[in-house]
C-alpha cells in the first residue's frame, strides 16, 4: 500500500458512474473503510459500486440525491453525517447539464447546470466545514472533477464548460480560505474519457478517434488514470498541493 489512507472517511458524488466508481474503489484499496457515495438515476450502477466496495473490504453507504436541486446539498450533508459522523475526503465528481449550441440555451439550462456542477460542490463543502463541530478538520481533502471544456470551446458544451470553469474558480477560492485550517482543495481535469456522458454526444466516435490520434501517449484517458491522481491528492504526500487544477490527459492538451 504505497498510499495509506487508513482511518479516513470519504464521500464521492456520482459514485454510480465509471469515474466515480473507480475513485471509490481506489480509495478503498488505499485503506478507506467507510465510503459514502451519491447517485441519482443509475440504480444498477450504484448497486454495483456498493458490491465492489464490499468485496474490497470497505463499508459502502449509498445516498440518492439530485444535485441539480438546490436543497440536495443540505440533504447529502445530513445523510453523510448520519452515515459517517464526519468526512475526511470529499470528491465532487457528479455532473449534469445541457448539451446544446449556445444560442439555444435558456435560463433554466443555466440554473440546472450551474447548480449541479458548481453550486453543489460549494455548498457541500460549506456544509462539511461550518458550525461549532465541523465534519471536516485538519488534513481534510476536497477534490473536484472538471474537464477540458472549462478552458476550451467544445461544440454543444458551452453551458457545461461554463459550469466547470466556475467550479475551478470556487476551488481556488476555497483553497485560499481553508489552507489555515489544514485542508487542501484541488481540481482534477481529465482528457477525453469514454463514459456514459460522452455517449450523449452525437459525434462520440469521431471524438474518440481524434482524441486517440492526438494523444502523445497513444490512448485516451481512462477512469483508472483519474482515480490514481485523485487518490494521490488525498494522501499525506500531497499536503502542499492546493488550489491547483491538475490535468490527466496523456498529453492531449499540449499539442498545438
C-alpha atoms as a PDB file:
ATOM      1  CA  UNK A   1       0.000   0.000   0.000  1.00  0.00           C
ATOM      2  CA  UNK A   2       2.011   2.974  -1.266  1.00  0.00           C
ATOM      3  CA  UNK A   3      -0.708   5.445  -0.265  1.00  0.00           C
ATOM      4  CA  UNK A   4      -2.102   4.776   3.202  1.00  0.00           C
ATOM      5  CA  UNK A   5      -5.489   6.360   3.891  1.00  0.00           C
ATOM      6  CA  UNK A   6      -6.413   4.050   6.748  1.00  0.00           C
ATOM      7  CA  UNK A   7      -8.975   5.554   9.092  1.00  0.00           C
ATOM      8  CA  UNK A   8     -10.188   8.153   6.616  1.00  0.00           C
ATOM      9  CA  UNK A   9     -13.845   8.576   5.676  1.00  0.00           C
ATOM     10  CA  UNK A  10     -14.891   9.612   2.180  1.00  0.00           C
ATOM     11  CA  UNK A  11     -17.849  10.988   0.268  1.00  0.00           C
ATOM     12  CA  UNK A  12     -17.764  10.737  -3.524  1.00  0.00           C
ATOM     13  CA  UNK A  13     -20.614  12.258  -5.512  1.00  0.00           C
ATOM     14  CA  UNK A  14     -21.629  10.451  -8.681  1.00  0.00           C
ATOM     15  CA  UNK A  15     -20.353   7.097  -7.452  1.00  0.00           C
ATOM     16  CA  UNK A  16     -22.510   5.018  -9.793  1.00  0.00           C
ATOM     17  CA  UNK A  17     -20.613   6.052 -12.935  1.00  0.00           C
ATOM     18  CA  UNK A  18     -17.304   4.816 -14.279  1.00  0.00           C
ATOM     19  CA  UNK A  19     -15.061   7.575 -12.894  1.00  0.00           C
ATOM     20  CA  UNK A  20     -16.854   7.836  -9.548  1.00  0.00           C
ATOM     21  CA  UNK A  21     -16.731   4.065  -9.084  1.00  0.00           C
ATOM     22  CA  UNK A  22     -13.015   3.935  -9.898  1.00  0.00           C
ATOM     23  CA  UNK A  23     -12.368   6.669  -7.342  1.00  0.00           C
ATOM     24  CA  UNK A  24     -14.386   4.871  -4.659  1.00  0.00           C
ATOM     25  CA  UNK A  25     -12.525   1.618  -5.269  1.00  0.00           C
ATOM     26  CA  UNK A  26      -9.089   3.220  -5.327  1.00  0.00           C
ATOM     27  CA  UNK A  27      -9.823   4.947  -2.021  1.00  0.00           C
ATOM     28  CA  UNK A  28     -10.956   1.625  -0.566  1.00  0.00           C
ATOM     29  CA  UNK A  29      -7.791  -0.077  -1.832  1.00  0.00           C
ATOM     30  CA  UNK A  30      -5.774   2.604  -0.045  1.00  0.00           C
ATOM     31  CA  UNK A  31      -7.394   1.901   3.306  1.00  0.00           C
ATOM     32  CA  UNK A  32     -10.595   3.990   3.355  1.00  0.00           C
ATOM     33  CA  UNK A  33     -13.087   1.652   5.021  1.00  0.00           C
ATOM     34  CA  UNK A  34     -16.120   3.951   5.089  1.00  0.00           C
ATOM     35  CA  UNK A  35     -17.095   5.202   1.643  1.00  0.00           C
ATOM     36  CA  UNK A  36     -20.333   7.116   1.075  1.00  0.00           C
ATOM     37  CA  UNK A  37     -21.319   7.943  -2.467  1.00  0.00           C
ATOM     38  CA  UNK A  38     -24.240   9.617  -4.178  1.00  0.00           C
ATOM     39  CA  UNK A  39     -26.196   8.638  -7.241  1.00  0.00           C
ATOM     40  CA  UNK A  40     -29.425   9.818  -8.823  1.00  0.00           C
ATOM     41  CA  UNK A  41     -30.912   7.591 -11.519  1.00  0.00           C
ATOM     42  CA  UNK A  42     -28.416   4.776 -12.099  1.00  0.00           C
ATOM     43  CA  UNK A  43     -29.667   2.274  -9.506  1.00  0.00           C
ATOM     44  CA  UNK A  44     -27.851  -0.660 -11.092  1.00  0.00           C
ATOM     45  CA  UNK A  45     -24.599   1.286 -11.183  1.00  0.00           C
ATOM     46  CA  UNK A  46     -24.963   2.261  -7.527  1.00  0.00           C
ATOM     47  CA  UNK A  47     -25.595  -1.342  -6.522  1.00  0.00           C
ATOM     48  CA  UNK A  48     -22.534  -2.450  -8.479  1.00  0.00           C
ATOM     49  CA  UNK A  49     -20.310   0.151  -6.803  1.00  0.00           C
ATOM     50  CA  UNK A  50     -21.603  -0.932  -3.394  1.00  0.00           C
ATOM     51  CA  UNK A  51     -20.972  -4.595  -4.216  1.00  0.00           C
ATOM     52  CA  UNK A  52     -17.403  -3.941  -5.335  1.00  0.00           C
ATOM     53  CA  UNK A  53     -16.693  -1.799  -2.275  1.00  0.00           C
ATOM     54  CA  UNK A  54     -17.927  -4.582  -0.028  1.00  0.00           C
ATOM     55  CA  UNK A  55     -15.704  -7.075  -1.853  1.00  0.00           C
ATOM     56  CA  UNK A  56     -12.797  -4.687  -1.301  1.00  0.00           C
ATOM     57  CA  UNK A  57     -13.424  -4.755   2.449  1.00  0.00           C
ATOM     58  CA  UNK A  58     -14.986  -1.304   2.678  1.00  0.00           C
ATOM     59  CA  UNK A  59     -18.361  -0.281   4.100  1.00  0.00           C
ATOM     60  CA  UNK A  60     -20.451   1.416   1.393  1.00  0.00           C
ATOM     61  CA  UNK A  61     -23.141   3.987   2.123  1.00  0.00           C
ATOM     62  CA  UNK A  62     -25.447   4.847  -0.777  1.00  0.00           C
ATOM     63  CA  UNK A  63     -27.054   8.296  -0.842  1.00  0.00           C
ATOM     64  CA  UNK A  64     -29.617   9.119  -3.533  1.00  0.00           C
ATOM     65  CA  UNK A  65     -29.603  12.786  -4.498  1.00  0.00           C
ATOM     66  CA  UNK A  66     -30.324  15.036  -7.454  1.00  0.00           C
ATOM     67  CA  UNK A  67     -27.652  17.682  -7.046  1.00  0.00           C
ATOM     68  CA  UNK A  68     -29.353  19.876  -9.656  1.00  0.00           C
ATOM     69  CA  UNK A  69     -31.854  20.745  -6.889  1.00  0.00           C
ATOM     70  CA  UNK A  70     -30.647  23.448  -4.503  1.00  0.00           C
ATOM     71  CA  UNK A  71     -31.855  21.665  -1.366  1.00  0.00           C
ATOM     72  CA  UNK A  72     -29.965  18.470  -2.234  1.00  0.00           C
ATOM     73  CA  UNK A  73     -26.628  19.649  -0.830  1.00  0.00           C
ATOM     74  CA  UNK A  74     -28.064  20.040   2.663  1.00  0.00           C
ATOM     75  CA  UNK A  75     -29.704  16.633   2.423  1.00  0.00           C
ATOM     76  CA  UNK A  76     -26.431  14.977   1.379  1.00  0.00           C
ATOM     77  CA  UNK A  77     -24.552  16.667   4.222  1.00  0.00           C
ATOM     78  CA  UNK A  78     -27.124  15.369   6.707  1.00  0.00           C
ATOM     79  CA  UNK A  79     -27.018  11.866   5.226  1.00  0.00           C
ATOM     80  CA  UNK A  80     -23.206  11.856   5.308  1.00  0.00           C
ATOM     81  CA  UNK A  81     -23.203  12.923   8.950  1.00  0.00           C
ATOM     82  CA  UNK A  82     -25.618  10.113   9.794  1.00  0.00           C
ATOM     83  CA  UNK A  83     -23.583   7.521   7.870  1.00  0.00           C
ATOM     84  CA  UNK A  84     -20.024   8.534   8.647  1.00  0.00           C
ATOM     85  CA  UNK A  85     -20.152  11.002  11.530  1.00  0.00           C
ATOM     86  CA  UNK A  86     -17.611  13.156   9.732  1.00  0.00           C
ATOM     87  CA  UNK A  87     -15.778  13.271   6.428  1.00  0.00           C
ATOM     88  CA  UNK A  88     -12.053  13.495   5.684  1.00  0.00           C
ATOM     89  CA  UNK A  89     -12.226  13.248   1.876  1.00  0.00           C
ATOM     90  CA  UNK A  90     -14.840  14.917  -0.297  1.00  0.00           C
ATOM     91  CA  UNK A  91     -14.699  14.257  -4.043  1.00  0.00           C
ATOM     92  CA  UNK A  92     -17.140  16.326  -6.107  1.00  0.00           C
ATOM     93  CA  UNK A  93     -17.478  14.139  -9.181  1.00  0.00           C
ATOM     94  CA  UNK A  94     -21.189  14.167 -10.082  1.00  0.00           C
ATOM     95  CA  UNK A  95     -22.037  16.260 -13.116  1.00  0.00           C
ATOM     96  CA  UNK A  96     -25.063  17.103 -15.186  1.00  0.00           C
ATOM     97  CA  UNK A  97     -26.010  19.678 -17.756  1.00  0.00           C
ATOM     98  CA  UNK A  98     -27.385  20.591 -21.128  1.00  0.00           C
ATOM     99  CA  UNK A  99     -25.606  19.836 -24.385  1.00  0.00           C
ATOM    100  CA  UNK A 100     -26.886  22.404 -26.865  1.00  0.00           C
ATOM    101  CA  UNK A 101     -25.486  25.151 -29.081  1.00  0.00           C
ATOM    102  CA  UNK A 102     -25.031  28.341 -27.074  1.00  0.00           C
ATOM    103  CA  UNK A 103     -27.742  30.200 -28.994  1.00  0.00           C
ATOM    104  CA  UNK A 104     -30.312  27.563 -27.965  1.00  0.00           C
ATOM    105  CA  UNK A 105     -29.645  27.756 -24.224  1.00  0.00           C
ATOM    106  CA  UNK A 106     -32.289  29.037 -21.834  1.00  0.00           C
ATOM    107  CA  UNK A 107     -32.254  30.389 -18.311  1.00  0.00           C
ATOM    108  CA  UNK A 108     -33.459  27.068 -16.870  1.00  0.00           C
ATOM    109  CA  UNK A 109     -30.469  25.321 -18.504  1.00  0.00           C
ATOM    110  CA  UNK A 110     -28.131  27.766 -16.775  1.00  0.00           C
ATOM    111  CA  UNK A 111     -29.704  27.225 -13.351  1.00  0.00           C
ATOM    112  CA  UNK A 112     -29.753  23.431 -13.703  1.00  0.00           C
ATOM    113  CA  UNK A 113     -26.169  23.069 -14.905  1.00  0.00           C
ATOM    114  CA  UNK A 114     -24.612  25.610 -12.549  1.00  0.00           C
ATOM    115  CA  UNK A 115     -26.423  24.169  -9.543  1.00  0.00           C
ATOM    116  CA  UNK A 116     -25.454  20.576 -10.344  1.00  0.00           C
ATOM    117  CA  UNK A 117     -21.808  21.201 -11.183  1.00  0.00           C
ATOM    118  CA  UNK A 118     -20.562  24.268  -9.303  1.00  0.00           C
ATOM    119  CA  UNK A 119     -23.053  25.297  -6.639  1.00  0.00           C
ATOM    120  CA  UNK A 120     -23.436  21.799  -5.220  1.00  0.00           C
ATOM    121  CA  UNK A 121     -19.685  21.457  -4.701  1.00  0.00           C
ATOM    122  CA  UNK A 122     -19.522  24.777  -2.836  1.00  0.00           C
ATOM    123  CA  UNK A 123     -22.484  24.100  -0.578  1.00  0.00           C
ATOM    124  CA  UNK A 124     -21.499  20.525   0.168  1.00  0.00           C
ATOM    125  CA  UNK A 125     -18.072  21.774   1.234  1.00  0.00           C
ATOM    126  CA  UNK A 126     -19.702  24.553   3.253  1.00  0.00           C
ATOM    127  CA  UNK A 127     -21.919  22.015   4.992  1.00  0.00           C
ATOM    128  CA  UNK A 128     -18.926  19.895   5.984  1.00  0.00           C
ATOM    129  CA  UNK A 129     -16.991  22.904   7.291  1.00  0.00           C
ATOM    130  CA  UNK A 130     -19.479  25.088   9.146  1.00  0.00           C
ATOM    131  CA  UNK A 131     -20.697  25.028  12.735  1.00  0.00           C
ATOM    132  CA  UNK A 132     -19.024  24.618  16.083  1.00  0.00           C
ATOM    133  CA  UNK A 133     -18.263  20.954  15.321  1.00  0.00           C
ATOM    134  CA  UNK A 134     -17.364  20.832  11.614  1.00  0.00           C
ATOM    135  CA  UNK A 135     -17.436  17.450   9.893  1.00  0.00           C
ATOM    136  CA  UNK A 136     -14.056  18.043   8.210  1.00  0.00           C
ATOM    137  CA  UNK A 137     -10.956  19.033  10.107  1.00  0.00           C
ATOM    138  CA  UNK A 138      -7.232  19.485   9.571  1.00  0.00           C
ATOM    139  CA  UNK A 139      -5.871  17.108   6.953  1.00  0.00           C
ATOM    140  CA  UNK A 140      -9.124  17.181   5.020  1.00  0.00           C
ATOM    141  CA  UNK A 141      -9.094  16.867   1.262  1.00  0.00           C
ATOM    142  CA  UNK A 142     -11.562  18.405  -1.184  1.00  0.00           C
ATOM    143  CA  UNK A 143     -11.201  17.430  -4.844  1.00  0.00           C
ATOM    144  CA  UNK A 144     -13.454  18.455  -7.726  1.00  0.00           C
ATOM    145  CA  UNK A 145     -13.633  16.922 -11.194  1.00  0.00           C
ATOM    146  CA  UNK A 146     -13.540  19.377 -14.103  1.00  0.00           C
ATOM    147  CA  UNK A 147     -12.989  18.940 -17.851  1.00  0.00           C
ATOM    148  CA  UNK A 148     -11.121  20.466 -20.764  1.00  0.00           C
ATOM    149  CA  UNK A 149     -14.329  22.306 -21.658  1.00  0.00           C
ATOM    150  CA  UNK A 150     -13.612  24.699 -18.786  1.00  0.00           C
ATOM    151  CA  UNK A 151     -10.857  26.335 -20.835  1.00  0.00           C
ATOM    152  CA  UNK A 152     -11.601  25.265 -24.424  1.00  0.00           C
ATOM    153  CA  UNK A 153     -14.510  25.678 -26.791  1.00  0.00           C
ATOM    154  CA  UNK A 154     -16.162  22.286 -27.330  1.00  0.00           C
ATOM    155  CA  UNK A 155     -19.199  22.024 -29.626  1.00  0.00           C
ATOM    156  CA  UNK A 156     -22.502  21.982 -27.683  1.00  0.00           C
ATOM    157  CA  UNK A 157     -20.565  22.119 -24.388  1.00  0.00           C
ATOM    158  CA  UNK A 158     -20.816  25.856 -23.684  1.00  0.00           C
ATOM    159  CA  UNK A 159     -23.107  25.552 -20.668  1.00  0.00           C
ATOM    160  CA  UNK A 160     -21.303  22.629 -19.054  1.00  0.00           C
ATOM    161  CA  UNK A 161     -17.945  24.233 -19.799  1.00  0.00           C
ATOM    162  CA  UNK A 162     -19.024  27.441 -18.074  1.00  0.00           C
ATOM    163  CA  UNK A 163     -20.091  25.459 -15.000  1.00  0.00           C
ATOM    164  CA  UNK A 164     -16.744  23.664 -14.911  1.00  0.00           C
ATOM    165  CA  UNK A 165     -14.882  26.978 -15.175  1.00  0.00           C
ATOM    166  CA  UNK A 166     -16.955  28.228 -12.233  1.00  0.00           C
ATOM    167  CA  UNK A 167     -16.136  25.032 -10.341  1.00  0.00           C
ATOM    168  CA  UNK A 168     -12.409  25.611 -10.804  1.00  0.00           C
ATOM    169  CA  UNK A 169     -12.765  29.188  -9.571  1.00  0.00           C
ATOM    170  CA  UNK A 170     -14.690  28.042  -6.490  1.00  0.00           C
ATOM    171  CA  UNK A 171     -11.952  25.523  -5.736  1.00  0.00           C
ATOM    172  CA  UNK A 172      -9.248  28.193  -5.929  1.00  0.00           C
ATOM    173  CA  UNK A 173     -11.201  30.450  -3.584  1.00  0.00           C
ATOM    174  CA  UNK A 174     -11.793  27.660  -1.107  1.00  0.00           C
ATOM    175  CA  UNK A 175      -8.126  26.664  -1.159  1.00  0.00           C
ATOM    176  CA  UNK A 176      -7.087  30.173  -0.144  1.00  0.00           C
ATOM    177  CA  UNK A 177      -9.595  30.234   2.710  1.00  0.00           C
ATOM    178  CA  UNK A 178      -9.039  26.726   4.039  1.00  0.00           C
ATOM    179  CA  UNK A 179      -5.249  26.486   3.996  1.00  0.00           C
ATOM    180  CA  UNK A 180      -5.050  27.863   7.528  1.00  0.00           C
ATOM    181  CA  UNK A 181      -7.322  25.014   8.630  1.00  0.00           C
ATOM    182  CA  UNK A 182      -5.005  22.383   7.138  1.00  0.00           C
ATOM    183  CA  UNK A 183      -7.425  21.489   4.336  1.00  0.00           C
ATOM    184  CA  UNK A 184      -6.387  21.263   0.686  1.00  0.00           C
ATOM    185  CA  UNK A 185      -8.664  21.908  -2.283  1.00  0.00           C
ATOM    186  CA  UNK A 186      -7.741  20.839  -5.807  1.00  0.00           C
ATOM    187  CA  UNK A 187      -9.281  20.090  -9.190  1.00  0.00           C
ATOM    188  CA  UNK A 188      -8.608  17.138 -11.481  1.00  0.00           C
ATOM    189  CA  UNK A 189      -9.315  17.773 -15.158  1.00  0.00           C
ATOM    190  CA  UNK A 190      -9.332  14.608 -17.281  1.00  0.00           C
ATOM    191  CA  UNK A 191      -8.943  14.451 -21.004  1.00  0.00           C
ATOM    192  CA  UNK A 192     -11.438  12.572 -23.150  1.00  0.00           C
ATOM    193  CA  UNK A 193     -12.794   9.605 -21.170  1.00  0.00           C
ATOM    194  CA  UNK A 194     -15.252   7.185 -22.746  1.00  0.00           C
ATOM    195  CA  UNK A 195     -18.012   7.315 -20.131  1.00  0.00           C
ATOM    196  CA  UNK A 196     -21.803   7.465 -20.233  1.00  0.00           C
ATOM    197  CA  UNK A 197     -21.569  11.261 -20.533  1.00  0.00           C
ATOM    198  CA  UNK A 198     -19.533  11.031 -23.723  1.00  0.00           C
ATOM    199  CA  UNK A 199     -22.135   8.678 -25.155  1.00  0.00           C
ATOM    200  CA  UNK A 200     -24.580  11.592 -25.141  1.00  0.00           C
ATOM    201  CA  UNK A 201     -22.517  13.368 -27.801  1.00  0.00           C
ATOM    202  CA  UNK A 202     -23.813  12.686 -31.320  1.00  0.00           C
ATOM    203  CA  UNK A 203     -20.226  12.702 -32.635  1.00  0.00           C
ATOM    204  CA  UNK A 204     -18.833  10.346 -29.951  1.00  0.00           C
ATOM    205  CA  UNK A 205     -16.994   8.047 -32.364  1.00  0.00           C
ATOM    206  CA  UNK A 206     -15.337  10.981 -34.091  1.00  0.00           C
ATOM    207  CA  UNK A 207     -14.286  12.496 -30.761  1.00  0.00           C
ATOM    208  CA  UNK A 208     -12.733   9.218 -29.616  1.00  0.00           C
ATOM    209  CA  UNK A 209     -10.870   8.746 -32.890  1.00  0.00           C
ATOM    210  CA  UNK A 210      -9.483  12.283 -32.890  1.00  0.00           C
ATOM    211  CA  UNK A 211      -8.549  12.143 -29.214  1.00  0.00           C
ATOM    212  CA  UNK A 212      -6.659   8.881 -29.658  1.00  0.00           C
ATOM    213  CA  UNK A 213      -4.733  10.204 -32.646  1.00  0.00           C
ATOM    214  CA  UNK A 214      -3.895  13.467 -30.867  1.00  0.00           C
ATOM    215  CA  UNK A 215      -2.775  11.952 -27.574  1.00  0.00           C
ATOM    216  CA  UNK A 216       1.023  11.550 -27.359  1.00  0.00           C
ATOM    217  CA  UNK A 217       0.651   8.561 -25.016  1.00  0.00           C
ATOM    218  CA  UNK A 218      -1.271   6.718 -27.738  1.00  0.00           C
ATOM    219  CA  UNK A 219      -4.566   6.151 -25.941  1.00  0.00           C
ATOM    220  CA  UNK A 220      -7.340   8.147 -24.301  1.00  0.00           C
ATOM    221  CA  UNK A 221      -7.586   8.640 -20.561  1.00  0.00           C
ATOM    222  CA  UNK A 222      -9.493   6.007 -18.614  1.00  0.00           C
ATOM    223  CA  UNK A 223     -11.264   6.130 -15.218  1.00  0.00           C
ATOM    224  CA  UNK A 224      -8.344   4.395 -13.520  1.00  0.00           C
ATOM    225  CA  UNK A 225      -5.976   7.170 -14.604  1.00  0.00           C
ATOM    226  CA  UNK A 226      -8.269   9.724 -12.990  1.00  0.00           C
ATOM    227  CA  UNK A 227      -8.682   7.697  -9.807  1.00  0.00           C
ATOM    228  CA  UNK A 228      -4.912   7.326  -9.382  1.00  0.00           C
ATOM    229  CA  UNK A 229      -4.480  11.101  -9.349  1.00  0.00           C
ATOM    230  CA  UNK A 230      -7.434  11.712  -7.040  1.00  0.00           C
ATOM    231  CA  UNK A 231      -6.111   9.143  -4.579  1.00  0.00           C
ATOM    232  CA  UNK A 232      -2.660  10.730  -4.611  1.00  0.00           C
ATOM    233  CA  UNK A 233      -4.165  14.148  -3.856  1.00  0.00           C
ATOM    234  CA  UNK A 234      -5.865  12.590  -0.817  1.00  0.00           C
ATOM    235  CA  UNK A 235      -2.554  11.351   0.539  1.00  0.00           C
ATOM    236  CA  UNK A 236      -0.189  12.938   3.090  1.00  0.00           C
ATOM    237  CA  UNK A 237       2.377  13.179   0.278  1.00  0.00           C
ATOM    238  CA  UNK A 238       0.173  15.820  -1.389  1.00  0.00           C
ATOM    239  CA  UNK A 239      -0.259  18.051   1.650  1.00  0.00           C
ATOM    240  CA  UNK A 240       1.440  21.037  -0.036  1.00  0.00           C
ATOM    241  CA  UNK A 241      -0.573  20.814  -3.262  1.00  0.00           C
ATOM    242  CA  UNK A 242      -3.624  23.071  -3.088  1.00  0.00           C
ATOM    243  CA  UNK A 243      -5.515  25.477  -5.303  1.00  0.00           C
ATOM    244  CA  UNK A 244      -4.364  23.631  -8.410  1.00  0.00           C
ATOM    245  CA  UNK A 245      -6.085  22.235 -11.485  1.00  0.00           C
ATOM    246  CA  UNK A 246      -4.168  19.105 -12.473  1.00  0.00           C
ATOM    247  CA  UNK A 247      -4.698  17.726 -15.966  1.00  0.00           C
ATOM    248  CA  UNK A 248      -4.572  13.985 -16.680  1.00  0.00           C
ATOM    249  CA  UNK A 249      -4.910  13.582 -20.443  1.00  0.00           C
ATOM    250  CA  UNK A 250      -1.851  11.739 -21.749  1.00  0.00           C
ATOM    251  CA  UNK A 251      -0.547  14.983 -23.239  1.00  0.00           C
ATOM    252  CA  UNK A 252      -3.629  15.702 -25.385  1.00  0.00           C
ATOM    253  CA  UNK A 253      -3.815  19.338 -24.303  1.00  0.00           C
ATOM    254  CA  UNK A 254      -0.217  20.279 -25.020  1.00  0.00           C
ATOM    255  CA  UNK A 255      -0.377  19.903 -28.777  1.00  0.00           C
ATOM    256  CA  UNK A 256      -0.909  22.957 -30.960  1.00  0.00           C
END
